[in-house]
């Protein structure tokens, strides 16, 4: 099951989608584990603020890549195949504004998957 949400990015409504396919798409495109990257980002951002950011370049790139995959998954025809081309649409792309919303979307997707497993177990139990 997929979860879709529009998020305002630099005044533009951008659809993002979370589903079981996202980890695979992310791994195929970037060769990285999205679960580790999300966890690392949450830790990094929790200890920072927008006015006094000390986030490293790798953290920002991981964030942009996760956002790109979730946007591409939501709108495969409207989002270019390259994250750099996609990011060109925006003047600003704030990790502090967008990441919490992507984490929320990802959390809703995981809750839905857990609920589905419970329902399957109930249906198959004898």
C-alpha atoms as a PDB file:
ATOM      1  CA  UNK A   1       0.000   0.000   0.000  1.00  0.00           C
ATOM      2  CA  UNK A   2       1.236   3.464  -0.820  1.00  0.00           C
ATOM      3  CA  UNK A   3       0.864   6.753   1.002  1.00  0.00           C
ATOM      4  CA  UNK A   4       0.943   9.989  -0.994  1.00  0.00           C
ATOM      5  CA  UNK A   5       1.232  13.556   0.310  1.00  0.00           C
ATOM      6  CA  UNK A   6       1.715  16.978  -1.247  1.00  0.00           C
ATOM      7  CA  UNK A   7       4.351  19.101   0.472  1.00  0.00           C
ATOM      8  CA  UNK A   8       4.933  22.794  -0.186  1.00  0.00           C
ATOM      9  CA  UNK A   9       8.509  23.292  -1.393  1.00  0.00           C
ATOM     10  CA  UNK A  10       9.546  26.861  -2.191  1.00  0.00           C
ATOM     11  CA  UNK A  11       5.907  27.773  -2.886  1.00  0.00           C
ATOM     12  CA  UNK A  12       5.348  24.751  -5.190  1.00  0.00           C
ATOM     13  CA  UNK A  13       3.107  21.816  -4.219  1.00  0.00           C
ATOM     14  CA  UNK A  14       5.210  18.702  -4.760  1.00  0.00           C
ATOM     15  CA  UNK A  15       3.726  15.199  -4.494  1.00  0.00           C
ATOM     16  CA  UNK A  16       5.762  12.657  -2.543  1.00  0.00           C
ATOM     17  CA  UNK A  17       4.960   8.959  -2.209  1.00  0.00           C
ATOM     18  CA  UNK A  18       6.063   6.314   0.262  1.00  0.00           C
ATOM     19  CA  UNK A  19       5.610   2.609  -0.388  1.00  0.00           C
ATOM     20  CA  UNK A  20       7.490  -0.657  -0.083  1.00  0.00           C
ATOM     21  CA  UNK A  21       9.158   0.153  -3.413  1.00  0.00           C
ATOM     22  CA  UNK A  22      11.007   3.222  -2.104  1.00  0.00           C
ATOM     23  CA  UNK A  23      13.900   1.363  -0.384  1.00  0.00           C
ATOM     24  CA  UNK A  24      14.510  -0.635  -3.551  1.00  0.00           C
ATOM     25  CA  UNK A  25      14.325   2.418  -5.825  1.00  0.00           C
ATOM     26  CA  UNK A  26      16.693   4.296  -3.523  1.00  0.00           C
ATOM     27  CA  UNK A  27      19.159   1.390  -3.376  1.00  0.00           C
ATOM     28  CA  UNK A  28      19.105   0.922  -7.173  1.00  0.00           C
ATOM     29  CA  UNK A  29      19.584   4.646  -7.878  1.00  0.00           C
ATOM     30  CA  UNK A  30      22.100   5.546  -5.155  1.00  0.00           C
ATOM     31  CA  UNK A  31      23.490   2.231  -3.859  1.00  0.00           C
ATOM     32  CA  UNK A  32      22.600   3.112  -0.276  1.00  0.00           C
ATOM     33  CA  UNK A  33      20.266   1.879   2.470  1.00  0.00           C
ATOM     34  CA  UNK A  34      17.392   4.336   2.984  1.00  0.00           C
ATOM     35  CA  UNK A  35      16.705   3.083   6.517  1.00  0.00           C
ATOM     36  CA  UNK A  36      20.246   3.892   7.670  1.00  0.00           C
ATOM     37  CA  UNK A  37      20.193   7.214   5.831  1.00  0.00           C
ATOM     38  CA  UNK A  38      16.847   8.280   7.334  1.00  0.00           C
ATOM     39  CA  UNK A  39      18.068   7.351  10.815  1.00  0.00           C
ATOM     40  CA  UNK A  40      21.330   9.241  10.369  1.00  0.00           C
ATOM     41  CA  UNK A  41      19.516  12.303   9.043  1.00  0.00           C
ATOM     42  CA  UNK A  42      17.070  12.358  11.941  1.00  0.00           C
ATOM     43  CA  UNK A  43      19.954  12.308  14.397  1.00  0.00           C
ATOM     44  CA  UNK A  44      21.852  15.047  12.542  1.00  0.00           C
ATOM     45  CA  UNK A  45      18.880  17.381  12.153  1.00  0.00           C
ATOM     46  CA  UNK A  46      17.634  16.875  15.718  1.00  0.00           C
ATOM     47  CA  UNK A  47      20.821  18.511  17.040  1.00  0.00           C
ATOM     48  CA  UNK A  48      20.831  21.433  14.587  1.00  0.00           C
ATOM     49  CA  UNK A  49      18.736  24.447  13.685  1.00  0.00           C
ATOM     50  CA  UNK A  50      18.257  26.330  10.441  1.00  0.00           C
ATOM     51  CA  UNK A  51      19.972  29.541  11.558  1.00  0.00           C
ATOM     52  CA  UNK A  52      23.084  27.799  12.862  1.00  0.00           C
ATOM     53  CA  UNK A  53      23.385  24.715  10.664  1.00  0.00           C
ATOM     54  CA  UNK A  54      26.448  22.551  10.936  1.00  0.00           C
ATOM     55  CA  UNK A  55      25.191  19.726   8.741  1.00  0.00           C
ATOM     56  CA  UNK A  56      27.798  18.193   6.505  1.00  0.00           C
ATOM     57  CA  UNK A  57      27.497  18.065   2.727  1.00  0.00           C
ATOM     58  CA  UNK A  58      26.877  14.309   2.740  1.00  0.00           C
ATOM     59  CA  UNK A  59      23.825  14.711   5.019  1.00  0.00           C
ATOM     60  CA  UNK A  60      22.376  17.367   2.735  1.00  0.00           C
ATOM     61  CA  UNK A  61      22.979  15.211  -0.339  1.00  0.00           C
ATOM     62  CA  UNK A  62      21.361  12.176   1.314  1.00  0.00           C
ATOM     63  CA  UNK A  63      18.322  14.302   2.198  1.00  0.00           C
ATOM     64  CA  UNK A  64      18.034  15.604  -1.366  1.00  0.00           C
ATOM     65  CA  UNK A  65      18.340  12.057  -2.728  1.00  0.00           C
ATOM     66  CA  UNK A  66      15.619  10.702  -0.430  1.00  0.00           C
ATOM     67  CA  UNK A  67      13.316  13.594  -1.344  1.00  0.00           C
ATOM     68  CA  UNK A  68      14.057  13.066  -5.031  1.00  0.00           C
ATOM     69  CA  UNK A  69      13.232   9.328  -4.914  1.00  0.00           C
ATOM     70  CA  UNK A  70       9.970   9.936  -3.055  1.00  0.00           C
ATOM     71  CA  UNK A  71       8.989  12.686  -5.524  1.00  0.00           C
ATOM     72  CA  UNK A  72       9.979  10.600  -8.550  1.00  0.00           C
ATOM     73  CA  UNK A  73       7.967   7.702  -7.136  1.00  0.00           C
ATOM     74  CA  UNK A  74       4.916   9.982  -6.851  1.00  0.00           C
ATOM     75  CA  UNK A  75       5.255  11.560 -10.302  1.00  0.00           C
ATOM     76  CA  UNK A  76       7.545   9.511 -12.539  1.00  0.00           C
ATOM     77  CA  UNK A  77       6.707  11.487 -15.695  1.00  0.00           C
ATOM     78  CA  UNK A  78       6.893  14.964 -14.126  1.00  0.00           C
ATOM     79  CA  UNK A  79      10.175  14.511 -12.254  1.00  0.00           C
ATOM     80  CA  UNK A  80      13.432  14.328 -14.258  1.00  0.00           C
ATOM     81  CA  UNK A  81      15.636  11.237 -13.948  1.00  0.00           C
ATOM     82  CA  UNK A  82      18.443  13.240 -12.335  1.00  0.00           C
ATOM     83  CA  UNK A  83      18.156  14.793  -8.833  1.00  0.00           C
ATOM     84  CA  UNK A  84      20.203  17.817  -9.931  1.00  0.00           C
ATOM     85  CA  UNK A  85      17.727  18.605 -12.718  1.00  0.00           C
ATOM     86  CA  UNK A  86      14.823  18.192 -10.289  1.00  0.00           C
ATOM     87  CA  UNK A  87      16.387  20.486  -7.681  1.00  0.00           C
ATOM     88  CA  UNK A  88      16.819  23.193 -10.349  1.00  0.00           C
ATOM     89  CA  UNK A  89      13.044  23.812 -10.081  1.00  0.00           C
ATOM     90  CA  UNK A  90      13.481  25.328  -6.612  1.00  0.00           C
ATOM     91  CA  UNK A  91      15.189  28.442  -5.267  1.00  0.00           C
ATOM     92  CA  UNK A  92      15.370  26.957  -1.766  1.00  0.00           C
ATOM     93  CA  UNK A  93      15.028  23.402  -0.530  1.00  0.00           C
ATOM     94  CA  UNK A  94      15.136  23.490   3.270  1.00  0.00           C
ATOM     95  CA  UNK A  95      16.016  20.268   5.055  1.00  0.00           C
ATOM     96  CA  UNK A  96      14.498  21.712   8.259  1.00  0.00           C
ATOM     97  CA  UNK A  97      11.096  22.309   6.649  1.00  0.00           C
ATOM     98  CA  UNK A  98      10.828  19.281   4.374  1.00  0.00           C
ATOM     99  CA  UNK A  99      12.590  16.441   6.217  1.00  0.00           C
ATOM    100  CA  UNK A 100      10.111  16.297   9.141  1.00  0.00           C
ATOM    101  CA  UNK A 101       7.257  15.983   6.640  1.00  0.00           C
ATOM    102  CA  UNK A 102       9.043  13.218   4.718  1.00  0.00           C
ATOM    103  CA  UNK A 103       9.762  11.393   7.987  1.00  0.00           C
ATOM    104  CA  UNK A 104       6.074  11.685   8.898  1.00  0.00           C
ATOM    105  CA  UNK A 105       5.069  10.331   5.469  1.00  0.00           C
ATOM    106  CA  UNK A 106       7.560   7.467   5.796  1.00  0.00           C
ATOM    107  CA  UNK A 107       6.240   6.694   9.298  1.00  0.00           C
ATOM    108  CA  UNK A 108       2.657   6.528   8.002  1.00  0.00           C
ATOM    109  CA  UNK A 109       3.786   4.079   5.337  1.00  0.00           C
ATOM    110  CA  UNK A 110       5.524   1.853   7.887  1.00  0.00           C
ATOM    111  CA  UNK A 111       2.439   1.914  10.172  1.00  0.00           C
ATOM    112  CA  UNK A 112       0.289   0.860   7.230  1.00  0.00           C
ATOM    113  CA  UNK A 113       2.635  -2.045   6.440  1.00  0.00           C
ATOM    114  CA  UNK A 114       2.584  -3.234  10.062  1.00  0.00           C
ATOM    115  CA  UNK A 115      -1.221  -3.028  10.129  1.00  0.00           C
ATOM    116  CA  UNK A 116      -1.409  -5.054   6.891  1.00  0.00           C
ATOM    117  CA  UNK A 117       0.746  -7.806   8.408  1.00  0.00           C
ATOM    118  CA  UNK A 118      -1.586  -7.944  11.444  1.00  0.00           C
ATOM    119  CA  UNK A 119      -4.609  -8.280   9.167  1.00  0.00           C
ATOM    120  CA  UNK A 120      -2.971 -11.030   7.122  1.00  0.00           C
ATOM    121  CA  UNK A 121      -2.094 -12.938  10.294  1.00  0.00           C
ATOM    122  CA  UNK A 122      -5.692 -12.603  11.511  1.00  0.00           C
ATOM    123  CA  UNK A 123      -7.082 -13.813   8.188  1.00  0.00           C
ATOM    124  CA  UNK A 124      -4.737 -16.782   7.926  1.00  0.00           C
ATOM    125  CA  UNK A 125      -5.039 -17.844  11.592  1.00  0.00           C
ATOM    126  CA  UNK A 126      -7.139 -20.968  12.108  1.00  0.00           C
END
